[in-house]
PDB file of N, CA and C in Angstrom:
ATOM      1  N   MET A   1      95.651  27.963  62.076  1.00  0.00           N
ATOM      2  CA  MET A   1      94.704  27.287  61.195  1.00  0.00           C
ATOM      3  C   MET A   1      94.994  27.704  59.756  1.00  0.00           C
ATOM      4  N   GLU A   2      95.167  26.704  58.883  1.00  0.00           N
ATOM      5  CA  GLU A   2      95.503  26.998  57.496  1.00  0.00           C
ATOM      6  C   GLU A   2      94.240  27.071  56.652  1.00  0.00           C
ATOM      7  N   MET A   3      94.283  27.963  55.665  1.00  0.00           N
ATOM      8  CA  MET A   3      93.166  28.060  54.735  1.00  0.00           C
ATOM      9  C   MET A   3      93.521  27.255  53.491  1.00  0.00           C
ATOM     10  N   SER A   4      92.527  26.700  52.858  1.00  0.00           N
ATOM     11  CA  SER A   4      92.804  25.992  51.615  1.00  0.00           C
ATOM     12  C   SER A   4      93.145  27.025  50.544  1.00  0.00           C
ATOM     13  N   GLY A   5      93.805  26.578  49.484  1.00  0.00           N
ATOM     14  CA  GLY A   5      94.182  27.490  48.405  1.00  0.00           C
ATOM     15  C   GLY A   5      92.980  28.188  47.794  1.00  0.00           C
ATOM     16  N   GLU A   6      91.859  27.485  47.714  1.00  0.00           N
ATOM     17  CA  GLU A   6      90.647  28.053  47.121  1.00  0.00           C
ATOM     18  C   GLU A   6      90.119  29.208  47.965  1.00  0.00           C
ATOM     19  N   ASN A   7      90.121  29.052  49.284  1.00  0.00           N
ATOM     20  CA  ASN A   7      89.651  30.117  50.164  1.00  0.00           C
ATOM     21  C   ASN A   7      90.559  31.338  50.080  1.00  0.00           C
ATOM     22  N   LYS A   8      91.871  31.118  50.038  1.00  0.00           N
ATOM     23  CA  LYS A   8      92.801  32.242  49.940  1.00  0.00           C
ATOM     24  C   LYS A   8      92.566  33.018  48.652  1.00  0.00           C
ATOM     25  N   ARG A   9      92.377  32.293  47.552  1.00  0.00           N
ATOM     26  CA  ARG A   9      92.159  32.945  46.261  1.00  0.00           C
ATOM     27  C   ARG A   9      90.843  33.729  46.291  1.00  0.00           C
ATOM     28  N   GLY A  10      89.821  33.140  46.855  1.00  0.00           N
ATOM     29  CA  GLY A  10      88.524  33.815  46.944  1.00  0.00           C
ATOM     30  C   GLY A  10      88.615  35.080  47.778  1.00  0.00           C
ATOM     31  N   GLU A  11      89.367  35.002  48.874  1.00  0.00           N
ATOM     32  CA  GLU A  11      89.542  36.179  49.729  1.00  0.00           C
ATOM     33  C   GLU A  11      90.307  37.268  48.985  1.00  0.00           C
ATOM     34  N   ARG A  12      91.335  36.847  48.260  1.00  0.00           N
ATOM     35  CA  ARG A  12      92.119  37.815  47.484  1.00  0.00           C
ATOM     36  C   ARG A  12      91.256  38.493  46.426  1.00  0.00           C
ATOM     37  N   GLU A  13      90.405  37.704  45.758  1.00  0.00           N
ATOM     38  CA  GLU A  13      89.521  38.273  44.735  1.00  0.00           C
ATOM     39  C   GLU A  13      88.551  39.276  45.355  1.00  0.00           C
ATOM     40  N   GLU A  14      88.045  38.973  46.541  1.00  0.00           N
ATOM     41  CA  GLU A  14      87.161  39.914  47.238  1.00  0.00           C
ATOM     42  C   GLU A  14      87.902  41.198  47.589  1.00  0.00           C
ATOM     43  N   ASN A  15      89.147  41.060  48.038  1.00  0.00           N
ATOM     44  CA  ASN A  15      89.949  42.244  48.358  1.00  0.00           C
ATOM     45  C   ASN A  15      90.171  43.099  47.121  1.00  0.00           C
ATOM     46  N   ILE A  16      90.448  42.458  45.996  1.00  0.00           N
ATOM     47  CA  ILE A  16      90.665  43.196  44.745  1.00  0.00           C
ATOM     48  C   ILE A  16      89.382  43.915  44.336  1.00  0.00           C
ATOM     49  N   LYS A  17      88.249  43.207  44.413  1.00  0.00           N
ATOM     50  CA  LYS A  17      86.963  43.823  44.058  1.00  0.00           C
ATOM     51  C   LYS A  17      86.670  45.016  44.957  1.00  0.00           C
ATOM     52  N   GLY A  18      86.937  44.867  46.254  1.00  0.00           N
ATOM     53  CA  GLY A  18      86.709  45.966  47.186  1.00  0.00           C
ATOM     54  C   GLY A  18      87.589  47.155  46.879  1.00  0.00           C
ATOM     55  N   THR A  19      88.839  46.886  46.537  1.00  0.00           N
ATOM     56  CA  THR A  19      89.768  47.962  46.204  1.00  0.00           C
ATOM     57  C   THR A  19      89.329  48.669  44.925  1.00  0.00           C
ATOM     58  N   GLN A  20      88.885  47.887  43.940  1.00  0.00           N
ATOM     59  CA  GLN A  20      88.410  48.491  42.695  1.00  0.00           C
ATOM     60  C   GLN A  20      87.173  49.345  42.939  1.00  0.00           C
ATOM     61  N   GLU A  21      86.275  48.866  43.786  1.00  0.00           N
ATOM     62  CA  GLU A  21      85.057  49.614  44.115  1.00  0.00           C
ATOM     63  C   GLU A  21      85.416  50.916  44.835  1.00  0.00           C
ATOM     64  N   ASP A  22      86.355  50.841  45.780  1.00  0.00           N
ATOM     65  CA  ASP A  22      86.801  52.046  46.480  1.00  0.00           C
ATOM     66  C   ASP A  22      87.385  53.043  45.490  1.00  0.00           C
ATOM     67  N   GLY A  23      88.176  52.549  44.554  1.00  0.00           N
ATOM     68  CA  GLY A  23      88.782  53.420  43.550  1.00  0.00           C
ATOM     69  C   GLY A  23      87.744  54.068  42.661  1.00  0.00           C
ATOM     70  N   ARG A  24      86.715  53.306  42.298  1.00  0.00           N
ATOM     71  CA  ARG A  24      85.648  53.845  41.458  1.00  0.00           C
ATOM     72  C   ARG A  24      84.901  54.959  42.191  1.00  0.00           C
ATOM     73  N   ARG A  25      84.590  54.716  43.472  1.00  0.00           N
ATOM     74  CA  ARG A  25      83.879  55.742  44.254  1.00  0.00           C
ATOM     75  C   ARG A  25      84.731  56.997  44.406  1.00  0.00           C
ATOM     76  N   LYS A  26      86.021  56.809  44.641  1.00  0.00           N
ATOM     77  CA  LYS A  26      86.914  57.962  44.785  1.00  0.00           C
ATOM     78  C   LYS A  26      86.967  58.742  43.470  1.00  0.00           C
ATOM     79  N   GLY A  27      87.009  58.024  42.356  1.00  0.00           N
ATOM     80  CA  GLY A  27      87.003  58.669  41.046  1.00  0.00           C
ATOM     81  C   GLY A  27      85.731  59.469  40.821  1.00  0.00           C
ATOM     82  N   GLU A  28      84.590  58.905  41.231  1.00  0.00           N
ATOM     83  CA  GLU A  28      83.318  59.620  41.080  1.00  0.00           C
ATOM     84  C   GLU A  28      83.308  60.895  41.927  1.00  0.00           C
ATOM     85  N   ARG A  29      83.823  60.811  43.161  1.00  0.00           N
ATOM     86  CA  ARG A  29      83.882  62.005  44.020  1.00  0.00           C
ATOM     87  C   ARG A  29      84.756  63.074  43.383  1.00  0.00           C
ATOM     88  N   ASN A  30      85.892  62.645  42.836  1.00  0.00           N
ATOM     89  CA  ASN A  30      86.796  63.610  42.214  1.00  0.00           C
ATOM     90  C   ASN A  30      86.160  64.255  40.984  1.00  0.00           C
ATOM     91  N   MET A  31      85.390  63.488  40.219  1.00  0.00           N
ATOM     92  CA  MET A  31      84.714  64.047  39.049  1.00  0.00           C
ATOM     93  C   MET A  31      83.685  65.094  39.483  1.00  0.00           C
ATOM     94  N   LYS A  32      82.962  64.829  40.563  1.00  0.00           N
ATOM     95  CA  LYS A  32      81.987  65.799  41.054  1.00  0.00           C
ATOM     96  C   LYS A  32      82.688  67.082  41.490  1.00  0.00           C
ATOM     97  N   LYS A  33      83.821  66.936  42.184  1.00  0.00           N
ATOM     98  CA  LYS A  33      84.591  68.107  42.608  1.00  0.00           C
ATOM     99  C   LYS A  33      85.057  68.896  41.396  1.00  0.00           C
ATOM    100  N   LEU A  34      85.505  68.187  40.370  1.00  0.00           N
ATOM    101  CA  LEU A  34      85.983  68.837  39.155  1.00  0.00           C
ATOM    102  C   LEU A  34      84.853  69.594  38.474  1.00  0.00           C
ATOM    103  N   GLU A  35      83.665  68.983  38.413  1.00  0.00           N
ATOM    104  CA  GLU A  35      82.513  69.657  37.808  1.00  0.00           C
ATOM    105  C   GLU A  35      82.198  70.946  38.553  1.00  0.00           C
ATOM    106  N   HIS A  36      82.199  70.899  39.887  1.00  0.00           N
ATOM    107  CA  HIS A  36      81.913  72.096  40.679  1.00  0.00           C
ATOM    108  C   HIS A  36      82.990  73.151  40.450  1.00  0.00           C
ATOM    109  N   THR A  37      84.232  72.739  40.339  1.00  0.00           N
ATOM    110  CA  THR A  37      85.325  73.674  40.099  1.00  0.00           C
ATOM    111  C   THR A  37      85.141  74.364  38.751  1.00  0.00           C
ATOM    112  N   GLU A  38      84.763  73.590  37.727  1.00  0.00           N
ATOM    113  CA  GLU A  38      84.544  74.169  36.407  1.00  0.00           C
ATOM    114  C   GLU A  38      83.396  75.159  36.432  1.00  0.00           C
ATOM    115  N   ILE A  39      82.322  74.831  37.146  1.00  0.00           N
ATOM    116  CA  ILE A  39      81.174  75.739  37.250  1.00  0.00           C
ATOM    117  C   ILE A  39      81.602  77.029  37.945  1.00  0.00           C
ATOM    118  N   ASN A  40      82.385  76.900  39.027  1.00  0.00           N
ATOM    119  CA  ASN A  40      82.851  78.078  39.750  1.00  0.00           C
ATOM    120  C   ASN A  40      83.740  78.941  38.854  1.00  0.00           C
ATOM    121  N   LEU A  41      84.618  78.311  38.078  1.00  0.00           N
ATOM    122  CA  LEU A  41      85.486  79.078  37.183  1.00  0.00           C
ATOM    123  C   LEU A  41      84.666  79.834  36.145  1.00  0.00           C
ATOM    124  N   GLU A  42      83.645  79.166  35.591  1.00  0.00           N
ATOM    125  CA  GLU A  42      82.797  79.830  34.600  1.00  0.00           C
ATOM    126  C   GLU A  42      82.090  81.037  35.213  1.00  0.00           C
ATOM    127  N   SER A  43      81.584  80.902  36.431  1.00  0.00           N
ATOM    128  CA  SER A  43      80.881  82.023  37.057  1.00  0.00           C
ATOM    129  C   SER A  43      81.853  83.159  37.370  1.00  0.00           C
ATOM    130  N   ILE A  44      83.073  82.816  37.791  1.00  0.00           N
ATOM    131  CA  ILE A  44      84.077  83.848  38.061  1.00  0.00           C
ATOM    132  C   ILE A  44      84.423  84.592  36.773  1.00  0.00           C
ATOM    133  N   ARG A  45      84.598  83.842  35.691  1.00  0.00           N
ATOM    134  CA  ARG A  45      84.924  84.483  34.411  1.00  0.00           C
ATOM    135  C   ARG A  45      83.796  85.408  33.954  1.00  0.00           C
ATOM    136  N   SER A  46      82.560  84.966  34.121  1.00  0.00           N
ATOM    137  CA  SER A  46      81.452  85.823  33.707  1.00  0.00           C
ATOM    138  C   SER A  46      81.378  87.065  34.589  1.00  0.00           C
ATOM    139  N   MET A  47      81.681  86.922  35.871  1.00  0.00           N
ATOM    140  CA  MET A  47      81.695  88.086  36.761  1.00  0.00           C
ATOM    141  C   MET A  47      82.804  89.053  36.357  1.00  0.00           C
ATOM    142  N   GLU A  48      83.954  88.505  35.980  1.00  0.00           N
ATOM    143  CA  GLU A  48      85.061  89.360  35.542  1.00  0.00           C
ATOM    144  C   GLU A  48      84.667  90.139  34.296  1.00  0.00           C
ATOM    145  N   LYS A  49      83.998  89.475  33.355  1.00  0.00           N
ATOM    146  CA  LYS A  49      83.554  90.156  32.128  1.00  0.00           C
ATOM    147  C   LYS A  49      82.562  91.260  32.474  1.00  0.00           C
ATOM    148  N   ASP A  50      81.624  90.953  33.376  1.00  0.00           N
ATOM    149  CA  ASP A  50      80.643  91.955  33.789  1.00  0.00           C
ATOM    150  C   ASP A  50      81.344  93.126  34.464  1.00  0.00           C
ATOM    151  N   GLY A  51      82.325  92.836  35.293  1.00  0.00           N
ATOM    152  CA  GLY A  51      83.069  93.891  35.985  1.00  0.00           C
ATOM    153  C   GLY A  51      83.814  94.771  35.002  1.00  0.00           C
ATOM    154  N   ARG A  52      84.415  94.179  33.996  1.00  0.00           N
ATOM    155  CA  ARG A  52      85.129  94.963  32.987  1.00  0.00           C
ATOM    156  C   ARG A  52      84.166  95.838  32.203  1.00  0.00           C
ATOM    157  N   SER A  53      83.004  95.266  31.864  1.00  0.00           N
ATOM    158  CA  SER A  53      82.055  96.063  31.098  1.00  0.00           C
ATOM    159  C   SER A  53      81.512  97.219  31.938  1.00  0.00           C
ATOM    160  N   LEU A  54      81.343  97.023  33.251  1.00  0.00           N
ATOM    161  CA  LEU A  54      80.912  98.115  34.117  1.00  0.00           C
ATOM    162  C   LEU A  54      81.968  99.225  34.154  1.00  0.00           C
ATOM    163  N   LYS A  55      83.237  98.816  34.258  1.00  0.00           N
ATOM    164  CA  LYS A  55      84.315  99.812  34.274  1.00  0.00           C
ATOM    165  C   LYS A  55      84.362 100.568  32.962  1.00  0.00           C
ATOM    166  N   ALA A  56      84.157  99.864  31.867  1.00  0.00           N
ATOM    167  CA  ALA A  56      84.173 100.523  30.555  1.00  0.00           C
ATOM    168  C   ALA A  56      83.020 101.524  30.461  1.00  0.00           C
ATOM    169  N   ARG A  57      81.850 101.157  30.960  1.00  0.00           N
ATOM    170  CA  ARG A  57      80.702 102.082  30.938  1.00  0.00           C
ATOM    171  C   ARG A  57      80.973 103.308  31.806  1.00  0.00           C
ATOM    172  N   GLU A  58      81.605 103.098  32.964  1.00  0.00           N
ATOM    173  CA  GLU A  58      81.931 104.222  33.839  1.00  0.00           C
ATOM    174  C   GLU A  58      82.900 105.175  33.156  1.00  0.00           C
ATOM    175  N   LYS A  59      83.883 104.638  32.450  1.00  0.00           N
ATOM    176  CA  LYS A  59      84.837 105.492  31.736  1.00  0.00           C
ATOM    177  C   LYS A  59      84.127 106.303  30.666  1.00  0.00           C
ATOM    178  N   GLU A  60      83.207 105.640  29.931  1.00  0.00           N
ATOM    179  CA  GLU A  60      82.459 106.351  28.890  1.00  0.00           C
ATOM    180  C   GLU A  60      81.611 107.461  29.492  1.00  0.00           C
ATOM    181  N   ASP A  61      80.994 107.194  30.643  1.00  0.00           N
ATOM    182  CA  ASP A  61      80.154 108.197  31.303  1.00  0.00           C
ATOM    183  C   ASP A  61      80.989 109.386  31.782  1.00  0.00           C
ATOM    184  N   ASN A  62      82.224 109.125  32.194  1.00  0.00           N
ATOM    185  CA  ASN A  62      83.081 110.185  32.710  1.00  0.00           C
ATOM    186  C   ASN A  62      83.691 111.043  31.611  1.00  0.00           C
ATOM    187  N   THR A  63      83.702 110.561  30.386  1.00  0.00           N
ATOM    188  CA  THR A  63      84.320 111.359  29.298  1.00  0.00           C
ATOM    189  C   THR A  63      83.349 112.265  28.624  1.00  0.00           C
TER     190      THR A  63
END
């Protein structure tokens, strides 16, 4: 069974829209992951600073 040219074009446009929507959702998921990664990095850096300051205080106490 053959489809008319109009139906084929409409189907293709729907496929393109679906693909674009999938891409947008994937992009949003990746942005959320990136935000969480940045938050984790910031907390790790602050913990490292706190750890260094604790070590510095211990050295001062020992001298």
